[in-house]
N, C-alpha and C. Protein backbone atom coordinates (compact mmCIF):
# COMPACT_ATOMS: atom_id res chain seq x y z
N UNK A 1 82.61 150.33 38.35
CA UNK A 1 84.04 150.21 38.08
C UNK A 1 84.72 151.50 38.50
N UNK A 2 85.87 151.42 39.18
CA UNK A 2 86.56 152.63 39.60
C UNK A 2 87.11 153.39 38.41
N UNK A 3 87.28 154.69 38.59
CA UNK A 3 87.87 155.51 37.53
C UNK A 3 89.28 155.04 37.23
N UNK A 4 89.74 155.31 36.02
CA UNK A 4 91.06 154.85 35.60
C UNK A 4 92.17 155.42 36.47
N UNK A 5 91.93 156.54 37.10
CA UNK A 5 92.97 157.17 37.91
C UNK A 5 92.85 156.86 39.40
N UNK A 6 92.08 155.84 39.74
CA UNK A 6 91.93 155.50 41.16
C UNK A 6 92.33 154.06 41.40
N UNK A 7 92.51 153.74 42.65
CA UNK A 7 92.82 152.37 43.05
C UNK A 7 91.75 151.90 44.04
N UNK A 8 91.57 150.60 44.09
CA UNK A 8 90.64 150.01 45.05
C UNK A 8 91.43 149.07 45.94
N UNK A 9 91.10 149.08 47.22
CA UNK A 9 91.77 148.20 48.17
C UNK A 9 90.77 147.69 49.19
N UNK A 10 91.00 146.48 49.64
CA UNK A 10 90.25 145.95 50.77
C UNK A 10 91.16 146.11 51.99
N UNK A 11 90.61 146.62 53.05
CA UNK A 11 91.39 146.74 54.28
C UNK A 11 90.70 145.92 55.36
N UNK A 12 91.50 145.26 56.16
CA UNK A 12 90.97 144.51 57.30
C UNK A 12 91.52 145.14 58.57
N UNK A 13 90.70 145.19 59.59
CA UNK A 13 91.06 145.89 60.81
C UNK A 13 90.79 145.01 62.02
N UNK A 14 91.66 145.12 62.99
CA UNK A 14 91.46 144.46 64.28
C UNK A 14 91.57 145.52 65.35
N UNK A 15 90.60 145.54 66.26
CA UNK A 15 90.69 146.45 67.40
C UNK A 15 91.81 145.97 68.30
N UNK A 16 92.63 146.90 68.80
CA UNK A 16 93.62 146.52 69.79
C UNK A 16 93.00 146.71 71.17
N UNK A 17 93.78 146.59 72.22
CA UNK A 17 93.20 146.67 73.56
C UNK A 17 92.59 148.04 73.86
N UNK A 18 93.03 149.10 73.18
CA UNK A 18 92.42 150.41 73.38
C UNK A 18 91.09 150.52 72.63
N UNK A 19 90.98 149.83 71.51
CA UNK A 19 89.78 149.93 70.70
C UNK A 19 88.71 148.91 71.00
N UNK A 20 89.04 147.88 71.78
CA UNK A 20 88.07 146.82 72.06
C UNK A 20 86.78 147.32 72.69
N UNK A 21 86.86 148.36 73.48
CA UNK A 21 85.66 148.85 74.17
C UNK A 21 84.59 149.29 73.18
N UNK A 22 84.96 149.72 71.99
CA UNK A 22 83.94 150.27 71.09
C UNK A 22 83.10 149.17 70.44
N UNK A 23 83.49 147.92 70.53
CA UNK A 23 82.67 146.87 69.95
C UNK A 23 81.33 146.76 70.66
N UNK A 24 81.29 147.10 71.92
CA UNK A 24 80.08 146.90 72.71
C UNK A 24 79.23 148.16 72.82
N UNK A 25 79.67 149.26 72.26
CA UNK A 25 78.88 150.49 72.38
C UNK A 25 78.79 151.24 71.06
N UNK A 26 78.16 152.36 71.11
CA UNK A 26 77.91 153.15 69.90
C UNK A 26 79.16 153.83 69.35
N UNK A 27 80.25 153.77 70.04
CA UNK A 27 81.48 154.40 69.60
C UNK A 27 81.96 153.85 68.25
N UNK A 28 81.64 152.60 67.96
CA UNK A 28 82.05 151.99 66.70
C UNK A 28 81.48 152.75 65.51
N UNK A 29 80.25 153.21 65.61
CA UNK A 29 79.62 153.96 64.52
C UNK A 29 80.27 155.34 64.39
N UNK A 30 80.53 155.98 65.51
CA UNK A 30 81.20 157.29 65.47
C UNK A 30 82.56 157.17 64.82
N UNK A 31 83.28 156.12 65.13
CA UNK A 31 84.61 155.92 64.54
C UNK A 31 84.52 155.72 63.03
N UNK A 32 83.47 155.06 62.56
CA UNK A 32 83.29 154.91 61.11
C UNK A 32 83.07 156.27 60.48
N UNK A 33 82.26 157.10 61.11
CA UNK A 33 82.02 158.45 60.58
C UNK A 33 83.31 159.26 60.54
N UNK A 34 84.15 159.09 61.56
CA UNK A 34 85.46 159.75 61.58
C UNK A 34 86.32 159.21 60.43
N UNK A 35 86.29 157.92 60.18
CA UNK A 35 87.06 157.33 59.09
C UNK A 35 86.60 157.88 57.73
N UNK A 36 85.28 158.10 57.58
CA UNK A 36 84.76 158.70 56.35
C UNK A 36 85.37 160.09 56.13
N UNK A 37 85.42 160.88 57.19
CA UNK A 37 85.99 162.23 57.09
C UNK A 37 87.48 162.16 56.77
N UNK A 38 88.17 161.21 57.38
CA UNK A 38 89.59 161.04 57.12
C UNK A 38 89.83 160.62 55.66
N UNK A 39 89.00 159.73 55.16
CA UNK A 39 89.11 159.32 53.75
C UNK A 39 88.94 160.52 52.83
N UNK A 40 87.96 161.34 53.12
CA UNK A 40 87.72 162.53 52.30
C UNK A 40 88.94 163.45 52.29
N UNK A 41 89.60 163.57 53.44
CA UNK A 41 90.81 164.40 53.55
C UNK A 41 91.87 163.96 52.55
N UNK A 42 91.95 162.66 52.29
CA UNK A 42 92.96 162.12 51.38
C UNK A 42 92.41 161.84 49.98
N UNK A 43 91.22 162.34 49.69
CA UNK A 43 90.63 162.15 48.37
C UNK A 43 90.13 160.73 48.14
N UNK A 44 89.93 159.99 49.21
CA UNK A 44 89.48 158.60 49.13
C UNK A 44 88.02 158.51 49.53
N UNK A 45 87.45 157.33 49.38
CA UNK A 45 86.07 157.09 49.79
C UNK A 45 85.94 155.65 50.27
N UNK A 46 85.32 155.48 51.42
CA UNK A 46 85.04 154.14 51.92
C UNK A 46 83.77 153.68 51.22
N UNK A 47 83.93 152.77 50.27
CA UNK A 47 82.79 152.28 49.48
C UNK A 47 81.83 151.46 50.35
N UNK A 48 82.40 150.57 51.13
CA UNK A 48 81.61 149.72 52.02
C UNK A 48 82.45 149.37 53.23
N UNK A 49 81.77 149.18 54.33
CA UNK A 49 82.45 148.72 55.55
C UNK A 49 81.52 147.77 56.27
N UNK A 50 82.10 146.71 56.78
CA UNK A 50 81.32 145.69 57.49
C UNK A 50 82.00 145.40 58.83
N UNK A 51 81.21 145.37 59.88
CA UNK A 51 81.70 144.87 61.16
C UNK A 51 81.56 143.35 61.07
N UNK A 52 82.60 142.63 61.40
CA UNK A 52 82.62 141.20 61.16
C UNK A 52 82.89 140.42 62.45
N UNK A 53 82.57 139.14 62.40
CA UNK A 53 82.91 138.22 63.47
C UNK A 53 84.09 137.39 62.98
N UNK A 54 84.96 137.00 63.87
CA UNK A 54 86.10 136.19 63.48
C UNK A 54 87.41 136.91 63.73
N UNK A 55 88.41 136.58 62.94
CA UNK A 55 89.76 137.10 63.15
C UNK A 55 89.83 138.62 63.02
N UNK A 56 89.08 139.19 62.08
CA UNK A 56 89.08 140.64 61.89
C UNK A 56 87.75 141.22 62.37
N UNK A 57 87.80 142.46 62.84
CA UNK A 57 86.62 143.13 63.37
C UNK A 57 85.91 143.97 62.32
N UNK A 58 86.64 144.46 61.33
CA UNK A 58 86.07 145.29 60.27
C UNK A 58 86.73 144.91 58.94
N UNK A 59 85.93 144.88 57.88
CA UNK A 59 86.44 144.76 56.52
C UNK A 59 85.88 145.95 55.75
N UNK A 60 86.74 146.70 55.08
CA UNK A 60 86.30 147.88 54.34
C UNK A 60 86.84 147.83 52.91
N UNK A 61 86.03 148.34 51.99
CA UNK A 61 86.45 148.50 50.60
C UNK A 61 86.62 150.00 50.39
N UNK A 62 87.82 150.40 50.00
CA UNK A 62 88.16 151.82 49.89
C UNK A 62 88.64 152.12 48.48
N UNK A 63 88.14 153.21 47.92
CA UNK A 63 88.64 153.71 46.65
C UNK A 63 89.44 154.97 46.94
N UNK A 64 90.66 155.03 46.41
CA UNK A 64 91.55 156.17 46.67
C UNK A 64 92.20 156.60 45.36
N UNK A 65 92.70 157.83 45.30
CA UNK A 65 93.32 158.30 44.06
C UNK A 65 94.62 157.57 43.72
N UNK A 66 95.33 157.08 44.74
CA UNK A 66 96.59 156.38 44.51
C UNK A 66 97.00 155.64 45.79
N UNK A 67 98.03 154.81 45.66
CA UNK A 67 98.51 154.03 46.81
C UNK A 67 99.00 154.92 47.94
N UNK A 68 99.65 156.03 47.59
CA UNK A 68 100.20 156.92 48.61
C UNK A 68 99.09 157.55 49.46
N UNK A 69 97.99 157.95 48.81
CA UNK A 69 96.88 158.54 49.56
C UNK A 69 96.26 157.53 50.51
N UNK A 70 96.08 156.31 50.02
CA UNK A 70 95.52 155.25 50.86
C UNK A 70 96.44 154.95 52.04
N UNK A 71 97.73 154.89 51.78
CA UNK A 71 98.69 154.61 52.84
C UNK A 71 98.70 155.73 53.89
N UNK A 72 98.67 156.97 53.44
CA UNK A 72 98.63 158.10 54.39
C UNK A 72 97.38 158.03 55.25
N UNK A 73 96.25 157.70 54.63
CA UNK A 73 95.00 157.58 55.38
C UNK A 73 95.12 156.50 56.44
N UNK A 74 95.65 155.33 56.07
CA UNK A 74 95.78 154.23 57.02
C UNK A 74 96.76 154.58 58.14
N UNK A 75 97.85 155.28 57.80
CA UNK A 75 98.81 155.68 58.83
C UNK A 75 98.16 156.62 59.84
N UNK A 76 97.38 157.57 59.36
CA UNK A 76 96.72 158.50 60.28
C UNK A 76 95.66 157.78 61.11
N UNK A 77 94.93 156.88 60.49
CA UNK A 77 93.89 156.13 61.21
C UNK A 77 94.50 155.27 62.32
N UNK A 78 95.58 154.57 62.02
CA UNK A 78 96.19 153.69 63.03
C UNK A 78 96.95 154.48 64.09
N UNK A 79 97.40 155.69 63.76
CA UNK A 79 98.12 156.51 64.74
C UNK A 79 97.24 156.88 65.93
N UNK A 80 95.92 156.80 65.74
CA UNK A 80 95.01 157.11 66.84
C UNK A 80 95.03 156.03 67.92
N UNK A 81 95.58 154.87 67.61
CA UNK A 81 95.81 153.85 68.62
C UNK A 81 94.70 152.87 68.90
N UNK A 82 93.66 152.83 68.05
CA UNK A 82 92.54 151.93 68.33
C UNK A 82 92.54 150.65 67.51
N UNK A 83 93.18 150.67 66.35
CA UNK A 83 93.13 149.51 65.45
C UNK A 83 94.48 149.23 64.83
N UNK A 84 94.58 148.00 64.34
CA UNK A 84 95.68 147.58 63.47
C UNK A 84 95.06 147.25 62.13
N UNK A 85 95.74 147.57 61.05
CA UNK A 85 95.17 147.32 59.72
C UNK A 85 96.11 146.52 58.84
N UNK A 86 95.53 145.91 57.83
CA UNK A 86 96.27 145.29 56.73
C UNK A 86 95.53 145.69 55.47
N UNK A 87 96.26 146.04 54.44
CA UNK A 87 95.65 146.50 53.19
C UNK A 87 95.94 145.51 52.08
N UNK A 88 94.91 145.18 51.34
CA UNK A 88 95.02 144.26 50.22
C UNK A 88 94.66 145.03 48.96
N UNK A 89 95.64 145.33 48.13
CA UNK A 89 95.39 146.06 46.88
C UNK A 89 94.52 145.18 46.00
N UNK A 90 93.45 145.72 45.49
CA UNK A 90 92.49 144.95 44.71
C UNK A 90 92.46 145.42 43.26
N UNK A 91 92.22 144.49 42.34
CA UNK A 91 92.13 144.78 40.91
C UNK A 91 90.81 144.25 40.39
N UNK A 92 90.09 145.08 39.61
CA UNK A 92 88.85 144.58 39.01
C UNK A 92 89.20 143.77 37.75
N UNK A 93 88.19 143.25 37.09
CA UNK A 93 88.38 142.38 35.92
C UNK A 93 89.21 143.06 34.84
N UNK A 94 88.84 144.28 34.47
CA UNK A 94 89.55 144.98 33.39
C UNK A 94 91.00 145.28 33.77
N UNK A 95 91.23 145.67 35.01
CA UNK A 95 92.60 145.94 35.46
C UNK A 95 93.45 144.67 35.41
N UNK A 96 92.87 143.56 35.85
CA UNK A 96 93.62 142.30 35.83
C UNK A 96 93.92 141.87 34.40
N UNK A 97 92.97 142.06 33.50
CA UNK A 97 93.21 141.74 32.08
C UNK A 97 94.38 142.56 31.55
N UNK A 98 94.43 143.85 31.87
CA UNK A 98 95.53 144.70 31.41
C UNK A 98 96.87 144.23 31.99
N UNK A 99 96.87 143.81 33.23
CA UNK A 99 98.09 143.30 33.86
C UNK A 99 98.56 142.05 33.13
N UNK A 100 97.65 141.14 32.86
CA UNK A 100 98.01 139.89 32.17
C UNK A 100 98.55 140.20 30.77
N UNK A 101 97.92 141.15 30.06
CA UNK A 101 98.41 141.52 28.73
C UNK A 101 99.84 142.02 28.76
N UNK A 102 100.22 142.70 29.82
CA UNK A 102 101.60 143.22 29.93
C UNK A 102 102.63 142.11 30.04
N UNK A 103 102.23 140.93 30.47
CA UNK A 103 103.19 139.83 30.63
C UNK A 103 103.55 139.18 29.31
N UNK A 104 102.86 139.55 28.25
CA UNK A 104 103.22 139.03 26.93
C UNK A 104 102.35 138.01 26.44
């Protein structure tokens, strides 16, 4: 379970025409290592990452200290010009229970 002061998000990524070349070579692994370093810069951690088949090329689970840190990380990652991302804010069981309790 993530710490009370952190957020968890699932991110999905698609390689654009500049990033497509890395699917066929070892560059994809190097880029993951770069993403790990970038996450650390923003106090985040990539919990898991999967290269996938289908509409998206990568699915990652990221834990970050807050939404702003995660957003800054994604902005810097996409500014490199290789991928497009979408972020899905995720809530664990306890977090969802707390949200439901707030509704009355």
